[in-house]
Amino acid sequence: MLNQHFINAINGRGVLRIDAEIPFHPLTAPYVQRFAADQDAYFKAFSSAFVKLSTYGVLTGSQGMIRRHCNALS
C-alpha cells in the first residue's frame, strides 16, 4: 500500500518530524485523513501533481536561479 505513509503518520509511526506534524496541522490534516483512507484519492492527486510539475517549464542553466533560502522571495 503506497498510502501506508499517511496511515503511519496518523498512528504516530512517521520517520521524520514532518510525518508527526502533518496529521495535526489544520491545512494538511484533511489530506492526510483522505489519503490514508483512500489510496485511489492519493494516486489521483499524485498523478495530477506529477503532470503539472513535469509540464511546468523549469528554467535551467543561466535561465534558472538557485536560491540559498527556498522560502525567500526573489
PDB file of N, CA and C in Angstrom:
ATOM      1  N   MET A   1       0.837  -1.184   0.000  1.00  0.00           N
ATOM      2  CA  MET A   1       0.000   0.000   0.000  1.00  0.00           C
ATOM      3  C   MET A   1       0.885   1.251   0.000  1.00  0.00           C
ATOM      4  N   LEU A   2       0.767   2.023  -1.024  1.00  0.00           N
ATOM      5  CA  LEU A   2       1.582   3.227  -1.107  1.00  0.00           C
ATOM      6  C   LEU A   2       1.073   4.344  -0.208  1.00  0.00           C
ATOM      7  N   ASN A   3      -0.146   4.221   0.260  1.00  0.00           N
ATOM      8  CA  ASN A   3      -0.652   5.248   1.174  1.00  0.00           C
ATOM      9  C   ASN A   3      -0.320   4.905   2.622  1.00  0.00           C
ATOM     10  N   GLN A   4       0.479   3.873   2.839  1.00  0.00           N
ATOM     11  CA  GLN A   4       0.870   3.468   4.194  1.00  0.00           C
ATOM     12  C   GLN A   4       1.596   4.598   4.916  1.00  0.00           C
ATOM     13  N   HIS A   5       2.272   5.445   4.184  1.00  0.00           N
ATOM     14  CA  HIS A   5       2.957   6.593   4.778  1.00  0.00           C
ATOM     15  C   HIS A   5       1.963   7.437   5.582  1.00  0.00           C
ATOM     16  N   PHE A   6       0.794   7.679   5.026  1.00  0.00           N
ATOM     17  CA  PHE A   6      -0.211   8.506   5.693  1.00  0.00           C
ATOM     18  C   PHE A   6      -0.829   7.764   6.880  1.00  0.00           C
ATOM     19  N   ILE A   7      -1.029   6.477   6.725  1.00  0.00           N
ATOM     20  CA  ILE A   7      -1.550   5.661   7.829  1.00  0.00           C
ATOM     21  C   ILE A   7      -0.555   5.673   8.982  1.00  0.00           C
ATOM     22  N   ASN A   8       0.719   5.499   8.663  1.00  0.00           N
ATOM     23  CA  ASN A   8       1.756   5.528   9.701  1.00  0.00           C
ATOM     24  C   ASN A   8       1.816   6.887  10.387  1.00  0.00           C
ATOM     25  N   ALA A   9       1.692   7.953   9.628  1.00  0.00           N
ATOM     26  CA  ALA A   9       1.742   9.305  10.209  1.00  0.00           C
ATOM     27  C   ALA A   9       0.606   9.499  11.202  1.00  0.00           C
ATOM     28  N   ILE A  10      -0.586   9.057  10.850  1.00  0.00           N
ATOM     29  CA  ILE A  10      -1.740   9.176  11.750  1.00  0.00           C
ATOM     30  C   ILE A  10      -1.519   8.383  13.025  1.00  0.00           C
ATOM     31  N   ASN A  11      -0.873   7.222  12.890  1.00  0.00           N
ATOM     32  CA  ASN A  11      -0.641   6.347  14.042  1.00  0.00           C
ATOM     33  C   ASN A  11       0.636   6.680  14.810  1.00  0.00           C
ATOM     34  N   GLY A  12       1.256   7.818  14.475  1.00  0.00           N
ATOM     35  CA  GLY A  12       2.449   8.237  15.205  1.00  0.00           C
ATOM     36  C   GLY A  12       3.687   7.442  14.875  1.00  0.00           C
ATOM     37  N   ARG A  13       3.719   6.811  13.723  1.00  0.00           N
ATOM     38  CA  ARG A  13       4.864   5.990  13.330  1.00  0.00           C
ATOM     39  C   ARG A  13       5.597   6.577  12.126  1.00  0.00           C
ATOM     40  N   GLY A  14       5.611   7.894  12.021  1.00  0.00           N
ATOM     41  CA  GLY A  14       6.328   8.539  10.930  1.00  0.00           C
ATOM     42  C   GLY A  14       7.814   8.512  11.167  1.00  0.00           C
ATOM     43  N   VAL A  15       8.565   8.663  10.101  1.00  0.00           N
ATOM     44  CA  VAL A  15      10.018   8.621  10.184  1.00  0.00           C
ATOM     45  C   VAL A  15      10.591   9.997  10.498  1.00  0.00           C
ATOM     46  N   LEU A  16      10.051  11.010   9.861  1.00  0.00           N
ATOM     47  CA  LEU A  16      10.569  12.362  10.003  1.00  0.00           C
ATOM     48  C   LEU A  16       9.657  13.212  10.887  1.00  0.00           C
ATOM     49  N   ARG A  17      10.168  14.328  11.325  1.00  0.00           N
ATOM     50  CA  ARG A  17       9.378  15.244  12.157  1.00  0.00           C
ATOM     51  C   ARG A  17       8.110  15.693  11.441  1.00  0.00           C
ATOM     52  N   ILE A  18       8.222  15.954  10.150  1.00  0.00           N
ATOM     53  CA  ILE A  18       7.064  16.390   9.379  1.00  0.00           C
ATOM     54  C   ILE A  18       5.972  15.321   9.379  1.00  0.00           C
ATOM     55  N   ASP A  19       6.375  14.048   9.426  1.00  0.00           N
ATOM     56  CA  ASP A  19       5.401  12.955   9.474  1.00  0.00           C
ATOM     57  C   ASP A  19       4.539  13.030  10.725  1.00  0.00           C
ATOM     58  N   ALA A  20       5.144  13.486  11.813  1.00  0.00           N
ATOM     59  CA  ALA A  20       4.409  13.612  13.068  1.00  0.00           C
ATOM     60  C   ALA A  20       3.515  14.839  13.088  1.00  0.00           C
ATOM     61  N   GLU A  21       3.861  15.847  12.292  1.00  0.00           N
ATOM     62  CA  GLU A  21       3.124  17.112  12.315  1.00  0.00           C
ATOM     63  C   GLU A  21       1.980  17.198  11.319  1.00  0.00           C
ATOM     64  N   ILE A  22       2.117  16.597  10.146  1.00  0.00           N
ATOM     65  CA  ILE A  22       1.085  16.785   9.118  1.00  0.00           C
ATOM     66  C   ILE A  22      -0.294  16.257   9.492  1.00  0.00           C
ATOM     67  N   PRO A  23      -0.417  15.210  10.322  1.00  0.00           N
ATOM     68  CA  PRO A  23      -1.774  14.774  10.659  1.00  0.00           C
ATOM     69  C   PRO A  23      -2.526  15.757  11.559  1.00  0.00           C
ATOM     70  N   PHE A  24      -1.808  16.688  12.174  1.00  0.00           N
ATOM     71  CA  PHE A  24      -2.438  17.582  13.151  1.00  0.00           C
ATOM     72  C   PHE A  24      -2.542  19.029  12.696  1.00  0.00           C
ATOM     73  N   HIS A  25      -1.877  19.378  11.616  1.00  0.00           N
ATOM     74  CA  HIS A  25      -1.943  20.754  11.135  1.00  0.00           C
ATOM     75  C   HIS A  25      -3.272  20.956  10.412  1.00  0.00           C
ATOM     76  N   PRO A  26      -3.979  22.049  10.698  1.00  0.00           N
ATOM     77  CA  PRO A  26      -5.308  22.236  10.112  1.00  0.00           C
ATOM     78  C   PRO A  26      -5.326  22.288   8.585  1.00  0.00           C
ATOM     79  N   LEU A  27      -4.223  22.683   7.948  1.00  0.00           N
ATOM     80  CA  LEU A  27      -4.202  22.732   6.487  1.00  0.00           C
ATOM     81  C   LEU A  27      -3.905  21.383   5.841  1.00  0.00           C
ATOM     82  N   THR A  28      -3.196  20.524   6.537  1.00  0.00           N
ATOM     83  CA  THR A  28      -2.803  19.249   5.948  1.00  0.00           C
ATOM     84  C   THR A  28      -3.575  18.048   6.475  1.00  0.00           C
ATOM     85  N   ALA A  29      -4.164  18.170   7.656  1.00  0.00           N
ATOM     86  CA  ALA A  29      -4.873  17.044   8.266  1.00  0.00           C
ATOM     87  C   ALA A  29      -5.951  16.435   7.367  1.00  0.00           C
ATOM     88  N   PRO A  30      -6.773  17.247   6.689  1.00  0.00           N
ATOM     89  CA  PRO A  30      -7.800  16.632   5.833  1.00  0.00           C
ATOM     90  C   PRO A  30      -7.218  15.780   4.699  1.00  0.00           C
ATOM     91  N   TYR A  31      -6.082  16.204   4.163  1.00  0.00           N
ATOM     92  CA  TYR A  31      -5.444  15.432   3.099  1.00  0.00           C
ATOM     93  C   TYR A  31      -4.876  14.127   3.638  1.00  0.00           C
ATOM     94  N   VAL A  32      -4.241  14.204   4.787  1.00  0.00           N
ATOM     95  CA  VAL A  32      -3.669  13.003   5.398  1.00  0.00           C
ATOM     96  C   VAL A  32      -4.781  11.997   5.680  1.00  0.00           C
ATOM     97  N   GLN A  33      -5.883  12.452   6.250  1.00  0.00           N
ATOM     98  CA  GLN A  33      -7.007  11.558   6.539  1.00  0.00           C
ATOM     99  C   GLN A  33      -7.555  10.932   5.254  1.00  0.00           C
ATOM    100  N   ARG A  34      -7.743  11.772   4.231  1.00  0.00           N
ATOM    101  CA  ARG A  34      -8.312  11.258   2.977  1.00  0.00           C
ATOM    102  C   ARG A  34      -7.371  10.271   2.302  1.00  0.00           C
ATOM    103  N   PHE A  35      -6.084  10.602   2.232  1.00  0.00           N
ATOM    104  CA  PHE A  35      -5.139   9.712   1.567  1.00  0.00           C
ATOM    105  C   PHE A  35      -4.925   8.420   2.354  1.00  0.00           C
ATOM    106  N   ALA A  36      -5.005   8.475   3.671  1.00  0.00           N
ATOM    107  CA  ALA A  36      -4.876   7.267   4.480  1.00  0.00           C
ATOM    108  C   ALA A  36      -6.078   6.342   4.268  1.00  0.00           C
ATOM    109  N   ALA A  37      -7.242   6.921   4.074  1.00  0.00           N
ATOM    110  CA  ALA A  37      -8.470   6.135   3.925  1.00  0.00           C
ATOM    111  C   ALA A  37      -8.712   5.677   2.489  1.00  0.00           C
ATOM    112  N   ASP A  38      -8.155   6.391   1.515  1.00  0.00           N
ATOM    113  CA  ASP A  38      -8.487   6.134   0.117  1.00  0.00           C
ATOM    114  C   ASP A  38      -7.241   6.211  -0.750  1.00  0.00           C
ATOM    115  N   GLN A  39      -6.664   5.055  -1.030  1.00  0.00           N
ATOM    116  CA  GLN A  39      -5.440   5.017  -1.827  1.00  0.00           C
ATOM    117  C   GLN A  39      -5.678   5.566  -3.232  1.00  0.00           C
ATOM    118  N   ASP A  40      -6.862   5.353  -3.805  1.00  0.00           N
ATOM    119  CA  ASP A  40      -7.151   5.886  -5.137  1.00  0.00           C
ATOM    120  C   ASP A  40      -7.124   7.410  -5.140  1.00  0.00           C
ATOM    121  N   ALA A  41      -7.599   8.039  -4.078  1.00  0.00           N
ATOM    122  CA  ALA A  41      -7.544   9.501  -3.979  1.00  0.00           C
ATOM    123  C   ALA A  41      -6.094   9.965  -3.970  1.00  0.00           C
ATOM    124  N   TYR A  42      -5.243   9.230  -3.274  1.00  0.00           N
ATOM    125  CA  TYR A  42      -3.812   9.554  -3.254  1.00  0.00           C
ATOM    126  C   TYR A  42      -3.219   9.448  -4.658  1.00  0.00           C
ATOM    127  N   PHE A  43      -3.512   8.354  -5.361  1.00  0.00           N
ATOM    128  CA  PHE A  43      -2.977   8.168  -6.711  1.00  0.00           C
ATOM    129  C   PHE A  43      -3.453   9.266  -7.655  1.00  0.00           C
ATOM    130  N   LYS A  44      -4.707   9.647  -7.561  1.00  0.00           N
ATOM    131  CA  LYS A  44      -5.233  10.707  -8.427  1.00  0.00           C
ATOM    132  C   LYS A  44      -4.538  12.036  -8.147  1.00  0.00           C
ATOM    133  N   ALA A  45      -4.380  12.377  -6.882  1.00  0.00           N
ATOM    134  CA  ALA A  45      -3.718  13.630  -6.521  1.00  0.00           C
ATOM    135  C   ALA A  45      -2.246  13.605  -6.931  1.00  0.00           C
ATOM    136  N   PHE A  46      -1.584  12.488  -6.694  1.00  0.00           N
ATOM    137  CA  PHE A  46      -0.164  12.366  -7.049  1.00  0.00           C
ATOM    138  C   PHE A  46       0.030  12.488  -8.550  1.00  0.00           C
ATOM    139  N   SER A  47      -0.784  11.771  -9.329  1.00  0.00           N
ATOM    140  CA  SER A  47      -0.612  11.812 -10.783  1.00  0.00           C
ATOM    141  C   SER A  47      -0.909  13.200 -11.334  1.00  0.00           C
ATOM    142  N   SER A  48      -1.887  13.878 -10.780  1.00  0.00           N
ATOM    143  CA  SER A  48      -2.206  15.231 -11.218  1.00  0.00           C
ATOM    144  C   SER A  48      -1.037  16.174 -10.919  1.00  0.00           C
ATOM    145  N   ALA A  49      -0.482  16.075  -9.728  1.00  0.00           N
ATOM    146  CA  ALA A  49       0.660  16.917  -9.352  1.00  0.00           C
ATOM    147  C   ALA A  49       1.882  16.599 -10.212  1.00  0.00           C
ATOM    148  N   PHE A  50       2.089  15.320 -10.496  1.00  0.00           N
ATOM    149  CA  PHE A  50       3.238  14.911 -11.305  1.00  0.00           C
ATOM    150  C   PHE A  50       3.150  15.495 -12.709  1.00  0.00           C
ATOM    151  N   VAL A  51       1.966  15.446 -13.308  1.00  0.00           N
ATOM    152  CA  VAL A  51       1.776  16.008 -14.646  1.00  0.00           C
ATOM    153  C   VAL A  51       2.023  17.516 -14.622  1.00  0.00           C
ATOM    154  N   LYS A  52       1.484  18.204 -13.618  1.00  0.00           N
ATOM    155  CA  LYS A  52       1.687  19.652 -13.518  1.00  0.00           C
ATOM    156  C   LYS A  52       3.166  19.990 -13.396  1.00  0.00           C
ATOM    157  N   LEU A  53       3.877  19.272 -12.538  1.00  0.00           N
ATOM    158  CA  LEU A  53       5.304  19.542 -12.352  1.00  0.00           C
ATOM    159  C   LEU A  53       6.117  19.224 -13.595  1.00  0.00           C
ATOM    160  N   SER A  54       5.740  18.175 -14.306  1.00  0.00           N
ATOM    161  CA  SER A  54       6.522  17.779 -15.482  1.00  0.00           C
ATOM    162  C   SER A  54       6.307  18.707 -16.669  1.00  0.00           C
ATOM    163  N   THR A  55       5.255  19.491 -16.666  1.00  0.00           N
ATOM    164  CA  THR A  55       4.995  20.416 -17.774  1.00  0.00           C
ATOM    165  C   THR A  55       5.192  21.868 -17.366  1.00  0.00           C
ATOM    166  N   TYR A  56       5.786  22.092 -16.215  1.00  0.00           N
ATOM    167  CA  TYR A  56       5.913  23.438 -15.664  1.00  0.00           C
ATOM    168  C   TYR A  56       6.886  24.317 -16.432  1.00  0.00           C
ATOM    169  N   GLY A  57       7.858  23.746 -17.090  1.00  0.00           N
ATOM    170  CA  GLY A  57       8.830  24.545 -17.825  1.00  0.00           C
ATOM    171  C   GLY A  57       9.939  25.061 -16.923  1.00  0.00           C
ATOM    172  N   VAL A  58      10.634  24.154 -16.294  1.00  0.00           N
ATOM    173  CA  VAL A  58      11.707  24.505 -15.371  1.00  0.00           C
ATOM    174  C   VAL A  58      12.820  25.224 -16.125  1.00  0.00           C
ATOM    175  N   LEU A  59      13.302  26.311 -15.557  1.00  0.00           N
ATOM    176  CA  LEU A  59      14.418  27.048 -16.138  1.00  0.00           C
ATOM    177  C   LEU A  59      15.719  26.375 -15.721  1.00  0.00           C
ATOM    178  N   THR A  60      16.630  26.243 -16.660  1.00  0.00           N
ATOM    179  CA  THR A  60      17.905  25.593 -16.362  1.00  0.00           C
ATOM    180  C   THR A  60      19.061  26.473 -16.823  1.00  0.00           C
ATOM    181  N   GLY A  61      20.246  26.103 -16.416  1.00  0.00           N
ATOM    182  CA  GLY A  61      21.445  26.823 -16.819  1.00  0.00           C
ATOM    183  C   GLY A  61      21.391  28.277 -16.393  1.00  0.00           C
ATOM    184  N   SER A  62      21.753  29.163 -17.289  1.00  0.00           N
ATOM    185  CA  SER A  62      21.791  30.591 -16.953  1.00  0.00           C
ATOM    186  C   SER A  62      20.390  31.211 -16.871  1.00  0.00           C
ATOM    187  N   GLN A  63      19.365  30.489 -17.318  1.00  0.00           N
ATOM    188  CA  GLN A  63      17.989  30.989 -17.235  1.00  0.00           C
ATOM    189  C   GLN A  63      17.407  30.819 -15.838  1.00  0.00           C
ATOM    190  N   GLY A  64      17.867  29.818 -15.133  1.00  0.00           N
ATOM    191  CA  GLY A  64      17.309  29.497 -13.828  1.00  0.00           C
ATOM    192  C   GLY A  64      17.950  30.275 -12.705  1.00  0.00           C
ATOM    193  N   MET A  65      17.479  29.997 -11.481  1.00  0.00           N
ATOM    194  CA  MET A  65      18.005  30.662 -10.299  1.00  0.00           C
ATOM    195  C   MET A  65      18.129  29.622  -9.178  1.00  0.00           C
ATOM    196  N   ILE A  66      19.262  29.614  -8.533  1.00  0.00           N
ATOM    197  CA  ILE A  66      19.456  28.748  -7.379  1.00  0.00           C
ATOM    198  C   ILE A  66      19.325  29.616  -6.140  1.00  0.00           C
ATOM    199  N   ARG A  67      18.362  29.301  -5.303  1.00  0.00           N
ATOM    200  CA  ARG A  67      18.144  30.085  -4.089  1.00  0.00           C
ATOM    201  C   ARG A  67      18.865  29.464  -2.911  1.00  0.00           C
ATOM    202  N   ARG A  68      19.457  30.294  -2.116  1.00  0.00           N
ATOM    203  CA  ARG A  68      20.091  29.797  -0.893  1.00  0.00           C
ATOM    204  C   ARG A  68      19.029  29.544   0.168  1.00  0.00           C
ATOM    205  N   HIS A  69      17.934  30.289   0.116  1.00  0.00           N
ATOM    206  CA  HIS A  69      16.808  30.131   1.043  1.00  0.00           C
ATOM    207  C   HIS A  69      15.546  29.965   0.204  1.00  0.00           C
ATOM    208  N   CYS A  70      14.985  28.789   0.181  1.00  0.00           N
ATOM    209  CA  CYS A  70      13.855  28.482  -0.690  1.00  0.00           C
ATOM    210  C   CYS A  70      12.584  29.233  -0.293  1.00  0.00           C
ATOM    211  N   ASN A  71      12.493  29.671   0.940  1.00  0.00           N
ATOM    212  CA  ASN A  71      11.283  30.388   1.361  1.00  0.00           C
ATOM    213  C   ASN A  71      11.384  31.880   1.107  1.00  0.00           C
ATOM    214  N   ALA A  72      12.528  32.325   0.566  1.00  0.00           N
ATOM    215  CA  ALA A  72      12.723  33.750   0.298  1.00  0.00           C
ATOM    216  C   ALA A  72      12.172  34.102  -1.079  1.00  0.00           C
ATOM    217  N   LEU A  73      11.505  35.227  -1.139  1.00  0.00           N
ATOM    218  CA  LEU A  73      11.019  35.714  -2.429  1.00  0.00           C
ATOM    219  C   LEU A  73      12.164  36.388  -3.166  1.00  0.00           C
ATOM    220  N   SER A  74      12.155  36.260  -4.491  1.00  0.00           N
ATOM    221  CA  SER A  74      13.267  36.830  -5.251  1.00  0.00           C
ATOM    222  C   SER A  74      13.189  38.302  -5.427  1.00  0.00           C
TER     223      SER A  74
END
